[in-house]
Protein backbone atom coordinates (compact mmCIF):
# COMPACT_ATOMS: atom_id res chain seq x y z
CA UNK A 1 -19.45 -0.09 13.21
CA UNK A 2 -21.95 -0.68 10.41
CA UNK A 3 -20.84 -1.23 6.84
CA UNK A 4 -17.47 -2.17 5.42
CA UNK A 5 -14.74 -0.87 3.12
CA UNK A 6 -16.97 -1.17 0.05
CA UNK A 7 -19.59 1.20 1.51
CA UNK A 8 -16.93 3.72 2.50
CA UNK A 9 -15.20 3.50 -0.88
CA UNK A 10 -18.45 3.89 -2.79
CA UNK A 11 -19.19 7.10 -0.88
CA UNK A 12 -15.64 8.37 -1.45
CA UNK A 13 -15.82 7.73 -5.18
CA UNK A 14 -19.08 9.64 -5.45
CA UNK A 15 -17.70 12.61 -3.48
CA UNK A 16 -14.23 12.70 -5.06
CA UNK A 17 -14.29 10.89 -8.40
CA UNK A 18 -11.19 12.71 -9.72
CA UNK A 19 -9.04 10.90 -7.15
CA UNK A 20 -9.97 7.61 -8.79
CA UNK A 21 -9.55 8.81 -12.36
CA UNK A 22 -13.25 9.38 -13.07
CA UNK A 23 -15.17 12.29 -14.45
CA UNK A 24 -17.61 14.23 -12.23
CA UNK A 25 -20.89 12.43 -11.58
CA UNK A 26 -19.71 8.90 -12.41
CA UNK A 27 -22.24 6.26 -13.38
CA UNK A 28 -22.96 3.27 -11.12
CA UNK A 29 -21.12 1.06 -13.62
CA UNK A 30 -17.98 3.22 -13.42
CA UNK A 31 -18.10 3.18 -9.62
CA UNK A 32 -18.47 -0.61 -9.59
CA UNK A 33 -15.53 -0.96 -11.98
CA UNK A 34 -13.29 1.03 -9.63
CA UNK A 35 -14.49 -1.04 -6.68
CA UNK A 36 -13.68 -4.25 -8.54
CA UNK A 37 -10.17 -2.96 -9.23
CA UNK A 38 -9.50 -2.04 -5.59
CA UNK A 39 -11.30 -4.72 -3.60
CA UNK A 40 -10.19 -8.32 -3.73
CA UNK A 41 -12.93 -10.82 -4.46
CA UNK A 42 -12.89 -13.52 -1.75
CA UNK A 43 -11.72 -16.87 -3.15
CA UNK A 44 -14.27 -19.65 -3.38
CA UNK A 45 -12.65 -21.71 -0.65
CA UNK A 46 -13.76 -22.98 2.78
CA UNK A 47 -13.41 -20.51 5.63
CA UNK A 48 -10.85 -22.61 7.47
CA UNK A 49 -8.57 -22.66 4.41
CA UNK A 50 -8.86 -18.89 4.06
CA UNK A 51 -7.96 -18.51 7.73
CA UNK A 52 -4.87 -20.73 7.39
CA UNK A 53 -3.76 -18.82 4.30
CA UNK A 54 -4.20 -15.50 6.10
CA UNK A 55 -2.31 -16.60 9.21
CA UNK A 56 0.49 -18.01 7.06
CA UNK A 57 0.81 -14.61 5.43
CA UNK A 58 0.76 -12.85 8.81
CA UNK A 59 3.63 -15.00 10.09
CA UNK A 60 5.58 -13.97 6.99
CA UNK A 61 4.74 -10.29 7.54
CA UNK A 62 2.10 -10.10 4.80
CA UNK A 63 -1.14 -8.50 5.97
CA UNK A 64 -2.46 -7.85 2.49
CA UNK A 65 -3.16 -4.47 0.91
CA UNK A 66 -4.98 -1.36 2.06
CA UNK A 67 -8.44 -0.93 0.62
CA UNK A 68 -9.25 2.67 1.43
CA UNK A 69 -6.51 4.68 3.17
CA UNK A 70 -4.00 4.00 0.36
CA UNK A 71 -5.83 1.74 -2.12
CA UNK A 72 -3.59 -1.05 -3.36
CA UNK A 73 -0.60 -0.20 -1.13
CA UNK A 74 0.86 -3.07 0.94
CA UNK A 75 -0.18 -2.77 4.57
CA UNK A 76 3.34 -3.37 5.90
CA UNK A 77 4.68 -0.59 3.71
CA UNK A 78 2.26 1.91 5.26
CA UNK A 79 3.11 0.73 8.78
CA UNK A 80 6.85 0.85 8.06
CA UNK A 81 6.47 4.48 6.96
CA UNK A 82 4.41 5.49 10.01
CA UNK A 83 6.14 3.49 12.78
CA UNK A 84 9.40 5.53 12.99
CA UNK A 85 7.44 8.72 13.62
CA UNK A 86 5.43 7.16 16.43
CA UNK A 87 8.60 5.67 17.95
CA UNK A 88 10.30 9.06 17.77
CA UNK A 89 7.41 10.93 19.38
CA UNK A 90 6.75 8.32 22.07
CA UNK A 91 10.46 8.00 22.90
CA UNK A 92 10.81 11.73 23.56
CA UNK A 93 7.75 11.72 25.81
CA UNK A 94 8.85 8.59 27.69
CA UNK A 95 12.47 9.61 28.25
CA UNK A 96 11.75 13.13 29.46
CA UNK A 97 8.72 12.02 31.48
CA UNK A 98 10.73 9.32 33.25
CA UNK A 99 13.68 11.61 33.86
CA UNK A 100 11.58 14.36 35.44
CA UNK A 101 9.44 11.88 37.41
CA UNK A 102 12.39 9.95 38.82
CA UNK A 103 14.38 13.01 39.86
CA UNK A 104 11.38 14.79 41.34
CA UNK A 105 10.05 11.70 43.16
CA UNK A 106 13.45 10.99 44.70
CA UNK A 107 13.84 14.53 46.00
CA UNK A 108 10.28 14.48 47.36
CA UNK A 109 11.04 11.28 49.30
CA UNK A 110 14.27 12.68 50.73
CA UNK A 111 12.37 15.69 52.08
CA UNK A 112 9.40 13.62 53.25
CA UNK A 113 6.94 15.50 55.42
CA UNK A 114 8.23 18.97 54.57
CA UNK A 115 6.18 21.71 52.93
CA UNK A 116 8.01 20.99 49.68
CA UNK A 117 6.98 17.34 49.79
CA UNK A 118 3.36 18.08 50.68
CA UNK A 119 3.03 20.78 48.04
CA UNK A 120 4.62 18.68 45.30
CA UNK A 121 2.53 15.63 46.25
CA UNK A 122 -0.67 17.64 45.89
CA UNK A 123 0.57 19.06 42.59
CA UNK A 124 1.47 15.61 41.26
CA UNK A 125 -1.94 14.23 42.23
CA UNK A 126 -3.57 17.05 40.28
CA UNK A 127 -1.13 16.59 37.41
CA UNK A 128 -1.71 12.84 37.06
CA UNK A 129 -5.50 13.37 37.03
CA UNK A 130 -5.39 15.47 33.83
CA UNK A 131 -5.87 13.37 30.67
CA UNK A 132 -3.12 13.92 28.11
CA UNK A 133 -5.61 14.77 25.38
CA UNK A 134 -7.00 17.62 27.48
CA UNK A 135 -3.49 19.03 27.84
CA UNK A 136 -2.97 18.50 24.09
CA UNK A 137 -6.05 20.54 23.20
CA UNK A 138 -5.09 23.35 25.61
CA UNK A 139 -1.49 23.49 24.34
CA UNK A 140 -2.66 23.44 20.74
CA UNK A 141 -5.16 26.24 21.38
CA UNK A 142 -2.71 28.46 23.28
CA UNK A 143 0.60 28.00 21.50
CA UNK A 144 -0.57 27.14 17.97
CA UNK A 145 -3.78 29.12 17.46
CA UNK A 146 -3.46 32.03 19.90
CA UNK A 147 0.27 32.79 20.06
CA UNK A 148 1.13 30.93 16.82
CA UNK A 149 4.50 29.86 18.20
CA UNK A 150 4.15 26.26 16.98
CA UNK A 151 2.56 24.58 13.96
CA UNK A 152 -1.01 23.33 14.18
CA UNK A 153 -0.20 19.88 12.86
CA UNK A 154 2.03 17.75 10.70
CA UNK A 155 5.26 15.98 11.45
CA UNK A 156 7.84 17.92 9.41
CA UNK A 157 8.32 21.36 7.94
CA UNK A 158 7.13 21.81 4.36
CA UNK A 159 9.64 22.30 1.56
CA UNK A 160 12.34 20.36 3.42
CA UNK A 161 14.15 17.27 2.19
CA UNK A 162 14.07 14.28 4.58
CA UNK A 163 17.56 13.32 5.66
CA UNK A 164 20.40 14.36 7.94
CA UNK A 165 20.17 18.06 7.26
CA UNK A 166 19.53 20.88 9.73
CA UNK A 167 16.27 22.27 8.23
CA UNK A 168 14.63 18.84 8.23
CA UNK A 169 15.80 17.86 11.74
CA UNK A 170 14.82 21.23 13.16
CA UNK A 171 11.37 20.95 11.56
CA UNK A 172 10.86 17.46 12.95
CA UNK A 173 11.60 18.54 16.53
CA UNK A 174 9.57 21.73 16.05
CA UNK A 175 6.48 19.78 14.99
CA UNK A 176 6.94 17.20 17.75
CA UNK A 177 7.24 19.81 20.53
CA UNK A 178 3.56 20.21 21.43
CA UNK A 179 2.55 16.53 21.10
CA UNK A 180 5.45 15.35 23.24
CA UNK A 181 5.00 18.18 25.76
CA UNK A 182 1.35 17.23 26.28
CA UNK A 183 2.45 13.70 27.19
CA UNK A 184 5.32 14.85 29.39
CA UNK A 185 3.39 17.36 31.51
CA UNK A 186 0.63 14.84 32.24
CA UNK A 187 2.81 11.75 32.54
CA UNK A 188 5.57 12.55 35.02
CA UNK A 189 3.19 13.07 37.95
CA UNK A 190 2.33 9.38 38.33
CA UNK A 191 5.97 8.41 37.92
CA UNK A 192 7.04 10.91 40.56
CA UNK A 193 4.50 9.60 43.07
CA UNK A 194 5.53 6.01 42.39
CA UNK A 195 9.20 6.89 42.74
CA UNK A 196 8.49 8.74 45.98
CA UNK A 197 6.70 5.70 47.47
CA UNK A 198 9.56 3.37 46.51
CA UNK A 199 12.19 5.73 47.84
CA UNK A 200 10.47 6.23 51.20
CA UNK A 201 10.61 2.47 51.82
CA UNK A 202 14.41 2.45 51.63
CA UNK A 203 15.14 5.75 53.39
CA UNK A 204 16.01 3.91 56.61
CA UNK A 205 18.56 1.62 54.96
CA UNK A 206 22.06 1.42 56.39
CA UNK A 207 23.77 2.77 53.27
CA UNK A 208 21.58 5.90 53.40
CA UNK A 209 22.55 6.53 57.02
CA UNK A 210 26.23 5.98 56.18
CA UNK A 211 26.00 8.43 53.31
CA UNK A 212 24.54 11.05 55.64
CA UNK A 213 27.25 10.43 58.23
CA UNK A 214 29.89 10.91 55.54
CA UNK A 215 28.50 14.41 55.00
CA UNK A 216 27.40 13.91 51.40
CA UNK A 217 25.06 16.50 49.94
CA UNK A 218 21.34 15.91 49.89
CA UNK A 219 21.31 15.99 46.09
CA UNK A 220 24.00 13.28 45.82
CA UNK A 221 22.31 11.07 48.40
CA UNK A 222 18.86 11.39 46.81
CA UNK A 223 20.01 10.77 43.24
CA UNK A 224 23.03 8.46 43.50
CA UNK A 225 22.06 6.27 46.45
CA UNK A 226 18.33 6.63 46.94
CA UNK A 227 17.27 7.01 43.32
CA UNK A 228 19.23 4.10 41.87
CA UNK A 229 17.70 1.59 44.27
CA UNK A 230 14.19 3.06 44.30
CA UNK A 231 13.94 2.83 40.51
CA UNK A 232 14.30 -0.97 40.48
CA UNK A 233 10.61 -1.73 41.28
CA UNK A 234 9.63 0.56 38.36
CA UNK A 235 11.76 -1.36 35.88
CA UNK A 236 8.96 -3.68 34.78
CA UNK A 237 6.62 -0.80 33.99
CA UNK A 238 9.34 1.03 32.07
CA UNK A 239 10.17 -1.96 29.86
CA UNK A 240 6.50 -2.71 29.25
CA UNK A 241 6.05 0.93 28.25
CA UNK A 242 8.90 0.56 25.76
CA UNK A 243 7.27 -2.59 24.42
CA UNK A 244 3.98 -0.77 23.90
CA UNK A 245 5.59 2.19 22.20
CA UNK A 246 4.40 1.11 18.73
CA UNK A 247 0.81 1.18 19.90
CA UNK A 248 1.06 4.90 19.47
CA UNK A 249 -1.54 7.33 20.68
CA UNK A 250 -4.60 7.42 18.47
CA UNK A 251 -6.13 10.48 20.11
CA UNK A 252 -2.88 12.46 20.40
CA UNK A 253 -1.80 11.94 16.81
CA UNK A 254 -5.30 12.71 15.59
CA UNK A 255 -5.41 16.01 17.50
CA UNK A 256 -2.09 17.14 16.03
CA UNK A 257 -2.57 15.47 12.60
CA UNK A 258 0.70 13.69 13.29
CA UNK A 259 1.06 10.91 10.73
CA UNK A 260 2.15 8.01 12.87
CA UNK A 261 0.68 4.62 13.68
CA UNK A 262 -1.99 6.17 15.89
CA UNK A 263 -3.38 8.37 13.12
CA UNK A 264 -3.05 5.48 10.68
CA UNK A 265 -5.14 3.30 12.99
CA UNK A 266 -7.74 6.05 13.33
CA UNK A 267 -8.01 6.47 9.56
CA UNK A 268 -8.25 2.71 9.10
CA UNK A 269 -11.04 2.51 11.68
CA UNK A 270 -13.09 5.30 10.13
CA UNK A 271 -12.60 3.88 6.62
CA UNK A 272 -13.29 0.27 7.70
CA UNK A 273 -9.93 -0.61 6.18
CA UNK A 274 -9.84 -3.96 7.94
CA UNK A 275 -6.45 -5.28 6.70
CA UNK A 276 -4.69 -2.09 7.81
CA UNK A 277 -6.55 -1.93 11.12
CA UNK A 278 -5.85 -5.59 11.91
CA UNK A 279 -2.15 -5.21 11.15
CA UNK A 280 -1.86 -2.19 13.47
CA UNK A 281 -3.52 -4.05 16.32
CA UNK A 282 -1.54 -7.27 15.83
CA UNK A 283 1.85 -5.53 15.60
CA UNK A 284 1.14 -3.24 18.55
CA UNK A 285 0.00 -6.21 20.65
CA UNK A 286 3.03 -8.25 19.63
CA UNK A 287 5.48 -5.59 20.78
CA UNK A 288 3.58 -5.17 24.06
CA UNK A 289 3.73 -8.91 24.77
CA UNK A 290 7.42 -9.05 23.90
CA UNK A 291 8.09 -6.08 26.18
CA UNK A 292 6.29 -7.84 29.03
CA UNK A 293 8.31 -11.01 28.54
CA UNK A 294 11.59 -9.07 28.39
CA UNK A 295 10.70 -7.30 31.64
CA UNK A 296 9.96 -10.62 33.39
CA UNK A 297 13.09 -12.35 32.15
CA UNK A 298 15.54 -9.52 32.77
CA UNK A 299 14.40 -8.17 36.13
CA UNK A 300 16.52 -10.68 38.04
CA UNK A 301 19.57 -9.55 36.05
CA UNK A 302 19.38 -5.97 37.31
CA UNK A 303 18.18 -6.87 40.82
CA UNK A 304 19.75 -10.14 42.11
CA UNK A 305 17.56 -9.92 45.20
CA UNK A 306 14.55 -10.96 43.08
CA UNK A 307 16.26 -14.18 42.04
CA UNK A 308 17.37 -14.91 45.59
CA UNK A 309 13.84 -14.39 46.96
CA UNK A 310 12.35 -16.68 44.31
CA UNK A 311 14.93 -19.39 45.09
CA UNK A 312 14.19 -19.07 48.76
């Protein structure tokens, strides 16, 4: 993108001088004075020294200050305020999406080849092909603008005090309903198809036949015996998804004006707020890498067969 934070700030100061403590129609000198107060003049040092200083600060959790989104505010403070909301929203979507996908995929595998299985497979293929942002726009249009059952944006009800009180908690879940629902309805289809494929591979196992001979119900066989073993190959993807939870959803949070890390990254990108944008990318990448490593190191703990096969 052309330009930098100075260009964006200069335009903002001209359009909204009151925000920066200036009178309407500020002079170029007044605008430059505000820019000098906000922007940090690069030190007169070699580039390699500046890079070492920056990386030293990053290791210590210091990414500098925001230039445009919240001028002068520490970057880590802004991320610390936004991250819990993204974690909350993404956790709801992930937990419910996985729960529905696992249960539905297991039942589909147990009734493989029936009309139920064929119909649900076709439905899940259609479901997984719909982008989540398309579902988000449709849900927002129907339930927020047309029926007005849900708010059009925000993350909490106005005039409520954050804390462990019923009005605040109810408002938080109320505002998170449509964003999380748009992720759930478009996300469980792929999980259900993956679970179905894993479950079909173990349908002929001895313990499944024994369970049928014992006269156990189809629901108990499909969930307790079939589901528990079929979910193991999906473990890596689940843990990686948890590791990437802080990456947020830039498009989703922008559609619903949900102030999490995704919206923060979008605002930083538009404003060319490079310190804030860099911090978002680095932290999101770090959690994704850690999640991948955790998945690799712990898979053998939940499935001893993986360790035995690697030793063999």
